[in-house]
N, C-alpha and C. Protein backbone atom coordinates (compact mmCIF):
# COMPACT_ATOMS: atom_id res chain seq x y z
N UNK A 1 8.38 -5.85 0.30
CA UNK A 1 8.62 -4.54 -0.27
C UNK A 1 9.75 -3.84 0.47
N UNK A 2 9.72 -3.87 1.78
CA UNK A 2 10.72 -3.15 2.56
C UNK A 2 12.14 -3.62 2.23
N UNK A 3 12.34 -4.91 2.08
CA UNK A 3 13.68 -5.43 1.79
C UNK A 3 14.18 -4.92 0.44
N UNK A 4 13.31 -4.92 -0.56
CA UNK A 4 13.72 -4.54 -1.92
C UNK A 4 13.83 -3.04 -2.12
N UNK A 5 13.04 -2.26 -1.41
CA UNK A 5 13.00 -0.81 -1.63
C UNK A 5 13.93 -0.02 -0.72
N UNK A 6 14.44 -0.63 0.32
CA UNK A 6 15.32 0.07 1.27
C UNK A 6 16.75 0.05 0.75
N UNK A 7 17.29 1.22 0.39
CA UNK A 7 18.65 1.27 -0.14
C UNK A 7 19.72 0.72 0.80
N UNK A 8 19.42 0.62 2.09
CA UNK A 8 20.40 0.08 3.04
C UNK A 8 20.29 -1.43 3.19
N UNK A 9 19.32 -2.04 2.54
CA UNK A 9 19.10 -3.49 2.65
C UNK A 9 20.02 -4.25 1.70
N UNK A 10 20.47 -5.39 2.14
CA UNK A 10 21.28 -6.27 1.29
C UNK A 10 20.47 -6.80 0.11
N UNK A 11 19.15 -6.73 0.19
CA UNK A 11 18.26 -7.23 -0.86
C UNK A 11 17.74 -6.13 -1.77
N UNK A 12 18.27 -4.91 -1.62
CA UNK A 12 17.81 -3.75 -2.40
C UNK A 12 17.88 -4.03 -3.90
N UNK A 13 16.81 -3.64 -4.61
CA UNK A 13 16.76 -3.74 -6.07
C UNK A 13 16.92 -2.33 -6.64
N UNK A 14 17.82 -2.20 -7.58
CA UNK A 14 18.13 -0.87 -8.13
C UNK A 14 16.96 -0.26 -8.91
N UNK A 15 15.93 -1.05 -9.23
CA UNK A 15 14.74 -0.50 -9.89
C UNK A 15 14.03 0.51 -8.99
N UNK A 16 14.21 0.36 -7.70
CA UNK A 16 13.64 1.30 -6.75
C UNK A 16 14.59 2.49 -6.63
N UNK A 17 14.02 3.68 -6.66
CA UNK A 17 14.84 4.90 -6.58
C UNK A 17 14.07 5.92 -5.74
N UNK A 18 14.56 6.20 -4.54
CA UNK A 18 13.84 7.13 -3.65
C UNK A 18 13.65 8.53 -4.22
N UNK A 19 14.40 8.90 -5.25
CA UNK A 19 14.28 10.24 -5.82
C UNK A 19 13.38 10.29 -7.05
N UNK A 20 13.01 9.14 -7.58
CA UNK A 20 12.19 9.10 -8.79
C UNK A 20 10.70 9.12 -8.43
N UNK A 21 9.89 9.69 -9.30
CA UNK A 21 8.44 9.68 -9.10
C UNK A 21 7.94 8.24 -9.23
N UNK A 22 7.17 7.80 -8.24
CA UNK A 22 6.66 6.44 -8.22
C UNK A 22 5.16 6.48 -8.00
N UNK A 23 4.41 5.87 -8.91
CA UNK A 23 2.96 5.77 -8.78
C UNK A 23 2.61 4.30 -8.64
N UNK A 24 1.96 3.97 -7.54
CA UNK A 24 1.61 2.57 -7.25
C UNK A 24 0.13 2.33 -7.53
N UNK A 25 -0.19 1.12 -7.95
CA UNK A 25 -1.59 0.77 -8.19
C UNK A 25 -1.80 -0.70 -7.90
N UNK A 26 -3.04 -1.03 -7.62
CA UNK A 26 -3.48 -2.41 -7.44
C UNK A 26 -4.93 -2.46 -7.92
N UNK A 27 -5.63 -3.52 -7.63
CA UNK A 27 -7.00 -3.66 -8.13
C UNK A 27 -7.95 -2.61 -7.57
N UNK A 28 -7.93 -2.40 -6.24
CA UNK A 28 -8.89 -1.48 -5.64
C UNK A 28 -8.27 -0.32 -4.87
N UNK A 29 -6.95 -0.26 -4.77
CA UNK A 29 -6.27 0.87 -4.14
C UNK A 29 -5.74 0.63 -2.75
N UNK A 30 -6.24 -0.36 -2.05
CA UNK A 30 -5.84 -0.58 -0.66
C UNK A 30 -4.38 -0.99 -0.49
N UNK A 31 -3.97 -1.98 -1.24
CA UNK A 31 -2.57 -2.43 -1.13
C UNK A 31 -1.61 -1.37 -1.61
N UNK A 32 -1.99 -0.64 -2.66
CA UNK A 32 -1.13 0.43 -3.17
C UNK A 32 -0.98 1.54 -2.13
N UNK A 33 -2.05 1.86 -1.40
CA UNK A 33 -1.97 2.88 -0.36
C UNK A 33 -1.01 2.46 0.74
N UNK A 34 -1.08 1.21 1.14
CA UNK A 34 -0.17 0.71 2.17
C UNK A 34 1.28 0.72 1.68
N UNK A 35 1.48 0.34 0.43
CA UNK A 35 2.83 0.35 -0.13
C UNK A 35 3.37 1.78 -0.22
N UNK A 36 2.53 2.74 -0.58
CA UNK A 36 2.95 4.14 -0.64
C UNK A 36 3.36 4.63 0.74
N UNK A 37 2.61 4.25 1.75
CA UNK A 37 2.96 4.62 3.12
C UNK A 37 4.30 4.03 3.51
N UNK A 38 4.53 2.79 3.15
CA UNK A 38 5.79 2.12 3.46
C UNK A 38 6.96 2.84 2.79
N UNK A 39 6.81 3.14 1.50
CA UNK A 39 7.89 3.82 0.79
C UNK A 39 8.15 5.20 1.38
N UNK A 40 7.11 5.89 1.79
CA UNK A 40 7.27 7.21 2.42
C UNK A 40 8.08 7.08 3.70
N UNK A 41 7.79 6.07 4.49
CA UNK A 41 8.55 5.83 5.73
C UNK A 41 10.01 5.53 5.44
N UNK A 42 10.29 4.96 4.26
CA UNK A 42 11.66 4.64 3.87
C UNK A 42 12.39 5.84 3.26
N UNK A 43 11.70 6.98 3.17
CA UNK A 43 12.35 8.18 2.68
C UNK A 43 12.04 8.56 1.24
N UNK A 44 11.15 7.83 0.61
CA UNK A 44 10.74 8.19 -0.75
C UNK A 44 9.88 9.44 -0.66
N UNK A 45 10.20 10.45 -1.47
CA UNK A 45 9.49 11.72 -1.36
C UNK A 45 8.54 11.99 -2.53
N UNK A 46 8.63 11.21 -3.59
CA UNK A 46 7.79 11.45 -4.76
C UNK A 46 6.96 10.20 -5.06
N UNK A 47 6.23 9.74 -4.06
CA UNK A 47 5.45 8.51 -4.19
C UNK A 47 3.97 8.81 -3.96
N UNK A 48 3.12 8.17 -4.74
CA UNK A 48 1.68 8.29 -4.57
C UNK A 48 1.04 6.99 -5.06
N UNK A 49 -0.29 6.91 -4.95
CA UNK A 49 -0.98 5.72 -5.42
C UNK A 49 -2.25 6.12 -6.14
N UNK A 50 -2.74 5.21 -6.95
CA UNK A 50 -3.97 5.42 -7.70
C UNK A 50 -5.15 5.10 -6.79
N UNK A 51 -5.81 6.13 -6.27
CA UNK A 51 -6.93 5.94 -5.35
C UNK A 51 -8.06 5.19 -6.07
N UNK A 52 -8.52 4.14 -5.47
CA UNK A 52 -9.57 3.32 -6.07
C UNK A 52 -9.04 2.25 -7.00
N UNK A 53 -7.75 2.29 -7.28
CA UNK A 53 -7.10 1.26 -8.08
C UNK A 53 -7.54 1.22 -9.53
N UNK A 54 -7.18 0.13 -10.18
CA UNK A 54 -7.56 -0.04 -11.58
C UNK A 54 -9.07 -0.11 -11.76
N UNK A 55 -9.76 -0.60 -10.75
CA UNK A 55 -11.22 -0.66 -10.81
C UNK A 55 -11.79 0.74 -11.01
N UNK A 56 -11.36 1.71 -10.22
CA UNK A 56 -11.85 3.08 -10.35
C UNK A 56 -11.39 3.70 -11.66
N UNK A 57 -10.18 3.37 -12.08
CA UNK A 57 -9.64 3.87 -13.34
C UNK A 57 -10.56 3.49 -14.50
N UNK A 58 -10.94 2.22 -14.55
CA UNK A 58 -11.80 1.72 -15.63
C UNK A 58 -13.22 2.30 -15.50
N UNK A 59 -13.75 2.37 -14.27
CA UNK A 59 -15.09 2.91 -14.06
C UNK A 59 -15.18 4.38 -14.46
N UNK A 60 -14.06 5.09 -14.39
CA UNK A 60 -14.03 6.50 -14.78
C UNK A 60 -14.02 6.65 -16.30
N UNK A 61 -13.75 5.57 -16.99
CA UNK A 61 -13.76 5.60 -18.45
C UNK A 61 -12.40 5.54 -19.11
N UNK A 62 -11.35 5.43 -18.30
CA UNK A 62 -10.02 5.29 -18.86
C UNK A 62 -9.80 3.85 -19.30
N UNK A 63 -9.02 3.66 -20.32
CA UNK A 63 -8.79 2.33 -20.85
C UNK A 63 -7.57 1.65 -20.25
N UNK A 64 -7.55 0.36 -20.45
CA UNK A 64 -6.41 -0.47 -20.05
C UNK A 64 -6.12 -1.39 -21.23
N UNK A 65 -4.90 -1.35 -21.72
CA UNK A 65 -4.52 -2.22 -22.83
C UNK A 65 -4.23 -3.62 -22.28
N UNK A 66 -4.85 -4.65 -22.85
CA UNK A 66 -4.58 -6.00 -22.38
C UNK A 66 -3.18 -6.43 -22.79
N UNK A 67 -2.62 -7.34 -22.02
CA UNK A 67 -1.31 -7.87 -22.37
C UNK A 67 -1.43 -8.69 -23.66
N UNK A 68 -0.36 -8.69 -24.46
CA UNK A 68 -0.42 -9.47 -25.73
C UNK A 68 -0.48 -10.95 -25.48
């Protein structure tokens, strides 16, 4: 993540934008929380994560559309 998200890295991917709102998610929230912390350390100011991940999202009653 650090290589791709750091604008000063030779491996930077333009899909990452430190000024854009970024919401991270994973299955249970742990990896997304760590990734959000990493992006914050890299200077991203509008980053957050889905606490509890997709598991909590579904348990709360929100839907997830399956891939075609």
